[in-house]
C-alpha cells in the first residue's frame, strides 16, 4: 500500500488508473468533504458516455496520482475553478488553460 502524502483524495478516471489512457484534463472543484482536495482528473480517451457512468471514476490519494503523472506536483495549490490540460511536445510536458489555450506558468 502506498503511503499517503496527507494531501487528500481526488476523483480520477479509471482509464488513468488502469493505464488505458493518459492523464490529460485537470479540474479543481469545491471539495465535498475534508478528505477531498477538489481535483478531478480525466484521461485522453474518456468520452461523455464513459464519464456519465460514475462507476468509471475512483477516489485516490494524491500520492497515487502523483506516481502515475509527476507533472501534477506543480498544480496542487491552484484555485477552485481551475481547468487545465496537460500537453506533451518534444517529450516535454506542460499545462495550458483548457478554455483559452494559454500556457500555465508556475
N, C-alpha and C. Protein backbone atom coordinates (compact mmCIF):
# COMPACT_ATOMS: atom_id res chain seq x y z
N UNK A 1 0.84 -1.19 0.00
CA UNK A 1 0.00 0.00 0.00
C UNK A 1 0.88 1.25 0.00
N UNK A 2 0.53 2.21 -0.83
CA UNK A 2 1.30 3.44 -0.93
C UNK A 2 1.04 4.32 0.29
N UNK A 3 2.08 5.00 0.72
CA UNK A 3 1.95 5.90 1.86
C UNK A 3 1.28 7.20 1.42
N UNK A 4 0.32 7.66 2.20
CA UNK A 4 -0.38 8.89 1.91
C UNK A 4 0.54 10.09 2.12
N UNK A 5 0.39 11.09 1.29
CA UNK A 5 1.15 12.33 1.46
C UNK A 5 0.38 13.32 2.32
N UNK A 6 -0.82 12.95 2.74
CA UNK A 6 -1.64 13.84 3.55
C UNK A 6 -2.23 15.00 2.78
N UNK A 7 -2.33 14.86 1.46
CA UNK A 7 -2.85 15.94 0.62
C UNK A 7 -4.26 15.63 0.12
N UNK A 8 -4.91 14.67 0.73
CA UNK A 8 -6.29 14.38 0.41
C UNK A 8 -6.45 13.50 -0.80
N UNK A 9 -7.71 13.31 -1.16
CA UNK A 9 -8.05 12.45 -2.28
C UNK A 9 -8.63 13.24 -3.44
N UNK A 10 -8.55 12.64 -4.61
CA UNK A 10 -9.06 13.23 -5.84
C UNK A 10 -9.90 12.20 -6.58
N UNK A 11 -10.80 12.68 -7.41
CA UNK A 11 -11.59 11.80 -8.26
C UNK A 11 -10.82 11.61 -9.57
N UNK A 12 -10.63 10.33 -9.95
CA UNK A 12 -9.77 10.01 -11.08
C UNK A 12 -10.47 9.01 -12.00
N UNK A 13 -10.32 9.22 -13.30
CA UNK A 13 -10.83 8.27 -14.28
C UNK A 13 -10.12 6.93 -14.12
N UNK A 14 -10.90 5.85 -14.17
CA UNK A 14 -10.30 4.52 -14.10
C UNK A 14 -9.44 4.23 -15.32
N UNK A 15 -9.64 4.95 -16.42
CA UNK A 15 -8.76 4.79 -17.58
C UNK A 15 -7.33 5.18 -17.22
N UNK A 16 -7.17 6.17 -16.35
CA UNK A 16 -5.84 6.58 -15.89
C UNK A 16 -5.27 5.51 -14.96
N UNK A 17 -6.08 5.08 -14.02
CA UNK A 17 -5.61 4.11 -13.03
C UNK A 17 -5.26 2.76 -13.64
N UNK A 18 -5.93 2.39 -14.72
CA UNK A 18 -5.67 1.11 -15.39
C UNK A 18 -4.64 1.25 -16.52
N UNK A 19 -4.04 2.44 -16.64
CA UNK A 19 -3.05 2.72 -17.69
C UNK A 19 -3.60 2.51 -19.10
N UNK A 20 -4.90 2.75 -19.28
CA UNK A 20 -5.50 2.66 -20.60
C UNK A 20 -5.40 4.00 -21.33
N UNK A 21 -5.45 5.08 -20.56
CA UNK A 21 -5.34 6.42 -21.12
C UNK A 21 -4.39 7.24 -20.26
N UNK A 22 -3.93 8.33 -20.82
CA UNK A 22 -3.03 9.21 -20.08
C UNK A 22 -3.80 10.36 -19.44
N UNK A 23 -3.33 10.81 -18.29
CA UNK A 23 -3.94 11.95 -17.62
C UNK A 23 -3.84 13.15 -18.56
N UNK A 24 -4.98 13.80 -18.80
CA UNK A 24 -4.98 14.94 -19.71
C UNK A 24 -5.67 16.17 -19.13
N UNK A 25 -6.89 15.99 -18.56
CA UNK A 25 -7.63 17.15 -18.07
C UNK A 25 -7.63 17.16 -16.55
N UNK A 26 -7.39 18.34 -15.98
CA UNK A 26 -7.34 18.53 -14.54
C UNK A 26 -8.30 19.67 -14.19
N UNK A 27 -9.24 19.36 -13.32
CA UNK A 27 -10.27 20.33 -12.95
C UNK A 27 -10.32 20.41 -11.44
N UNK A 28 -10.28 21.63 -10.89
CA UNK A 28 -10.37 21.77 -9.45
C UNK A 28 -11.73 22.34 -9.08
N UNK A 29 -12.49 21.53 -8.35
CA UNK A 29 -13.83 21.90 -7.90
C UNK A 29 -13.82 22.15 -6.40
N UNK A 30 -14.93 22.66 -5.91
CA UNK A 30 -15.11 22.83 -4.47
C UNK A 30 -15.07 21.44 -3.83
N UNK A 31 -14.21 21.20 -2.85
CA UNK A 31 -14.17 19.90 -2.19
C UNK A 31 -15.53 19.58 -1.54
N UNK A 32 -15.90 18.30 -1.54
CA UNK A 32 -17.18 17.90 -0.96
C UNK A 32 -17.07 17.50 0.51
N UNK A 33 -15.85 17.28 1.00
CA UNK A 33 -15.64 16.98 2.42
C UNK A 33 -14.18 17.28 2.78
N UNK A 34 -13.80 17.00 4.02
CA UNK A 34 -12.45 17.36 4.48
C UNK A 34 -11.35 16.49 3.87
N UNK A 35 -11.69 15.36 3.29
CA UNK A 35 -10.70 14.48 2.67
C UNK A 35 -10.47 14.84 1.20
N UNK A 36 -11.49 15.37 0.56
CA UNK A 36 -11.46 15.73 -0.86
C UNK A 36 -10.63 16.99 -1.05
N UNK A 37 -9.63 16.93 -1.95
CA UNK A 37 -8.83 18.13 -2.24
C UNK A 37 -9.39 18.91 -3.43
N UNK A 38 -10.46 18.41 -4.03
CA UNK A 38 -11.13 19.14 -5.11
C UNK A 38 -10.68 18.79 -6.51
N UNK A 39 -9.55 18.11 -6.67
CA UNK A 39 -9.06 17.81 -8.00
C UNK A 39 -9.79 16.65 -8.65
N UNK A 40 -10.07 16.79 -9.94
CA UNK A 40 -10.68 15.76 -10.77
C UNK A 40 -9.76 15.56 -11.97
N UNK A 41 -9.44 14.31 -12.27
CA UNK A 41 -8.51 14.00 -13.36
C UNK A 41 -9.17 13.09 -14.37
N UNK A 42 -9.14 13.52 -15.64
CA UNK A 42 -9.74 12.78 -16.73
C UNK A 42 -8.66 12.39 -17.73
N UNK A 43 -8.91 11.29 -18.45
CA UNK A 43 -7.90 10.82 -19.39
C UNK A 43 -8.17 11.29 -20.81
N UNK A 44 -7.17 11.08 -21.64
CA UNK A 44 -7.27 11.47 -23.04
C UNK A 44 -8.25 10.61 -23.83
N UNK A 45 -8.70 9.47 -23.28
CA UNK A 45 -9.64 8.61 -24.00
C UNK A 45 -11.04 8.61 -23.40
N UNK A 46 -11.26 9.39 -22.36
CA UNK A 46 -12.58 9.45 -21.74
C UNK A 46 -13.58 10.10 -22.70
N UNK A 47 -14.75 9.49 -22.79
CA UNK A 47 -15.83 10.02 -23.62
C UNK A 47 -16.94 10.51 -22.70
N UNK A 48 -17.88 11.25 -23.26
CA UNK A 48 -19.04 11.72 -22.49
C UNK A 48 -19.79 10.52 -21.90
N UNK A 49 -19.96 9.48 -22.71
CA UNK A 49 -20.66 8.28 -22.26
C UNK A 49 -19.92 7.61 -21.09
N UNK A 50 -18.61 7.50 -21.20
CA UNK A 50 -17.78 6.91 -20.15
C UNK A 50 -17.92 7.72 -18.86
N UNK A 51 -17.82 9.03 -18.96
CA UNK A 51 -17.88 9.90 -17.79
C UNK A 51 -19.26 9.96 -17.16
N UNK A 52 -20.30 9.65 -17.93
CA UNK A 52 -21.67 9.67 -17.40
C UNK A 52 -21.92 8.53 -16.41
N UNK A 53 -21.06 7.52 -16.43
CA UNK A 53 -21.20 6.38 -15.52
C UNK A 53 -20.23 6.58 -14.35
N UNK A 54 -20.77 6.91 -13.19
CA UNK A 54 -19.94 7.19 -12.01
C UNK A 54 -19.03 6.04 -11.63
N UNK A 55 -19.38 4.82 -12.01
CA UNK A 55 -18.53 3.67 -11.67
C UNK A 55 -17.22 3.67 -12.45
N UNK A 56 -17.09 4.54 -13.44
CA UNK A 56 -15.85 4.66 -14.20
C UNK A 56 -14.85 5.61 -13.54
N UNK A 57 -15.23 6.14 -12.39
CA UNK A 57 -14.35 7.04 -11.65
C UNK A 57 -13.99 6.40 -10.32
N UNK A 58 -12.87 6.82 -9.76
CA UNK A 58 -12.42 6.28 -8.48
C UNK A 58 -11.85 7.43 -7.64
N UNK A 59 -11.81 7.23 -6.34
CA UNK A 59 -11.19 8.22 -5.45
C UNK A 59 -9.82 7.69 -5.07
N UNK A 60 -8.81 8.51 -5.28
CA UNK A 60 -7.43 8.11 -4.99
C UNK A 60 -6.70 9.17 -4.19
N UNK A 61 -5.75 8.72 -3.40
CA UNK A 61 -4.86 9.61 -2.69
C UNK A 61 -4.02 10.39 -3.70
N UNK A 62 -3.73 11.65 -3.36
CA UNK A 62 -2.92 12.50 -4.25
C UNK A 62 -1.60 11.82 -4.61
N UNK A 63 -1.00 11.12 -3.65
CA UNK A 63 0.28 10.45 -3.89
C UNK A 63 0.20 9.40 -4.98
N UNK A 64 -0.90 8.68 -5.07
CA UNK A 64 -1.09 7.67 -6.12
C UNK A 64 -1.12 8.33 -7.49
N UNK A 65 -1.83 9.43 -7.60
CA UNK A 65 -1.93 10.14 -8.87
C UNK A 65 -0.57 10.75 -9.24
N UNK A 66 0.14 11.26 -8.26
CA UNK A 66 1.47 11.83 -8.48
C UNK A 66 2.44 10.78 -9.01
N UNK A 67 2.33 9.55 -8.53
CA UNK A 67 3.18 8.47 -9.04
C UNK A 67 2.88 8.17 -10.50
N UNK A 68 1.60 8.26 -10.87
CA UNK A 68 1.21 8.00 -12.26
C UNK A 68 1.66 9.14 -13.17
N UNK A 69 1.47 10.39 -12.72
CA UNK A 69 1.82 11.56 -13.53
C UNK A 69 2.50 12.62 -12.67
N UNK A 70 3.84 12.57 -12.59
CA UNK A 70 4.58 13.52 -11.76
C UNK A 70 4.38 14.99 -12.12
N UNK A 71 3.95 15.30 -13.31
CA UNK A 71 3.76 16.70 -13.73
C UNK A 71 2.75 17.43 -12.85
N UNK A 72 1.85 16.70 -12.19
CA UNK A 72 0.82 17.37 -11.40
C UNK A 72 1.35 17.99 -10.11
N UNK A 73 2.58 17.72 -9.75
CA UNK A 73 3.12 18.24 -8.49
C UNK A 73 2.99 19.76 -8.40
N UNK A 74 3.06 20.44 -9.53
CA UNK A 74 3.02 21.91 -9.54
C UNK A 74 1.63 22.50 -9.41
N UNK A 75 0.58 21.70 -9.60
CA UNK A 75 -0.77 22.27 -9.70
C UNK A 75 -1.57 22.23 -8.41
N UNK A 76 -1.11 21.55 -7.39
CA UNK A 76 -1.91 21.28 -6.20
C UNK A 76 -2.59 22.52 -5.63
N UNK A 77 -1.88 23.62 -5.51
CA UNK A 77 -2.41 24.82 -4.86
C UNK A 77 -3.18 25.77 -5.78
N UNK A 78 -3.44 25.35 -7.00
CA UNK A 78 -4.20 26.23 -7.90
C UNK A 78 -5.61 26.41 -7.36
N UNK A 79 -6.27 27.53 -7.67
CA UNK A 79 -7.58 27.83 -7.08
C UNK A 79 -8.72 26.98 -7.62
N UNK A 80 -9.79 26.92 -6.82
CA UNK A 80 -11.02 26.27 -7.25
C UNK A 80 -11.49 26.98 -8.53
N UNK A 81 -11.95 26.19 -9.48
CA UNK A 81 -12.36 26.74 -10.77
C UNK A 81 -11.31 26.55 -11.85
N UNK A 82 -10.11 26.12 -11.46
CA UNK A 82 -9.05 25.87 -12.44
C UNK A 82 -9.43 24.71 -13.35
N UNK A 83 -9.26 24.90 -14.65
CA UNK A 83 -9.44 23.84 -15.63
C UNK A 83 -8.24 23.91 -16.57
N UNK A 84 -7.37 22.89 -16.46
CA UNK A 84 -6.15 22.88 -17.26
C UNK A 84 -5.99 21.56 -17.99
N UNK A 85 -5.21 21.60 -19.05
CA UNK A 85 -4.96 20.44 -19.90
C UNK A 85 -3.46 20.19 -19.93
N UNK A 86 -3.08 18.92 -19.73
CA UNK A 86 -1.67 18.54 -19.79
C UNK A 86 -1.34 18.14 -21.23
N UNK A 87 -0.35 18.79 -21.80
CA UNK A 87 0.10 18.51 -23.16
C UNK A 87 1.55 18.06 -23.15
N UNK A 88 1.92 17.31 -24.18
CA UNK A 88 3.30 16.87 -24.35
C UNK A 88 3.77 17.30 -25.73
N UNK A 89 4.93 17.94 -25.76
CA UNK A 89 5.51 18.39 -27.02
C UNK A 89 7.02 18.20 -26.94
N UNK A 90 7.59 17.51 -27.90
CA UNK A 90 9.03 17.22 -27.90
C UNK A 90 9.47 16.58 -26.58
N UNK A 91 8.68 15.63 -26.09
CA UNK A 91 8.94 14.91 -24.84
C UNK A 91 8.94 15.80 -23.61
N UNK A 92 8.37 17.00 -23.71
CA UNK A 92 8.26 17.89 -22.55
C UNK A 92 6.78 18.11 -22.27
N UNK A 93 6.44 18.05 -20.97
CA UNK A 93 5.05 18.22 -20.56
C UNK A 93 4.84 19.63 -20.02
N UNK A 94 3.65 20.17 -20.32
CA UNK A 94 3.28 21.48 -19.82
C UNK A 94 1.77 21.57 -19.76
N UNK A 95 1.29 22.53 -19.00
CA UNK A 95 -0.15 22.73 -18.85
C UNK A 95 -0.58 23.98 -19.59
N UNK A 96 -1.81 23.93 -20.12
CA UNK A 96 -2.45 25.11 -20.69
C UNK A 96 -3.83 25.22 -20.05
N UNK A 97 -4.35 26.45 -19.98
CA UNK A 97 -5.71 26.64 -19.52
C UNK A 97 -6.62 26.09 -20.61
N UNK A 98 -7.52 25.20 -20.24
CA UNK A 98 -8.35 24.49 -21.19
C UNK A 98 -9.14 25.43 -22.08
N UNK A 99 -9.75 26.45 -21.51
CA UNK A 99 -10.62 27.33 -22.28
C UNK A 99 -9.84 28.24 -23.25
N UNK A 100 -8.74 28.81 -22.77
CA UNK A 100 -8.02 29.80 -23.58
C UNK A 100 -6.84 29.22 -24.35
N UNK A 101 -6.30 28.10 -23.90
CA UNK A 101 -5.11 27.54 -24.54
C UNK A 101 -3.82 28.22 -24.10
N UNK A 102 -3.94 29.21 -23.18
CA UNK A 102 -2.75 29.90 -22.70
C UNK A 102 -1.93 28.98 -21.81
N UNK A 103 -0.61 29.07 -21.96
CA UNK A 103 0.29 28.25 -21.15
C UNK A 103 0.22 28.66 -19.69
N UNK A 104 0.26 27.67 -18.80
CA UNK A 104 0.25 27.92 -17.36
C UNK A 104 1.70 28.07 -16.91
N UNK A 105 1.99 29.17 -16.25
CA UNK A 105 3.33 29.40 -15.71
C UNK A 105 3.29 29.28 -14.20
N UNK A 106 4.25 28.59 -13.64
CA UNK A 106 4.32 28.40 -12.18
C UNK A 106 5.43 29.21 -11.58
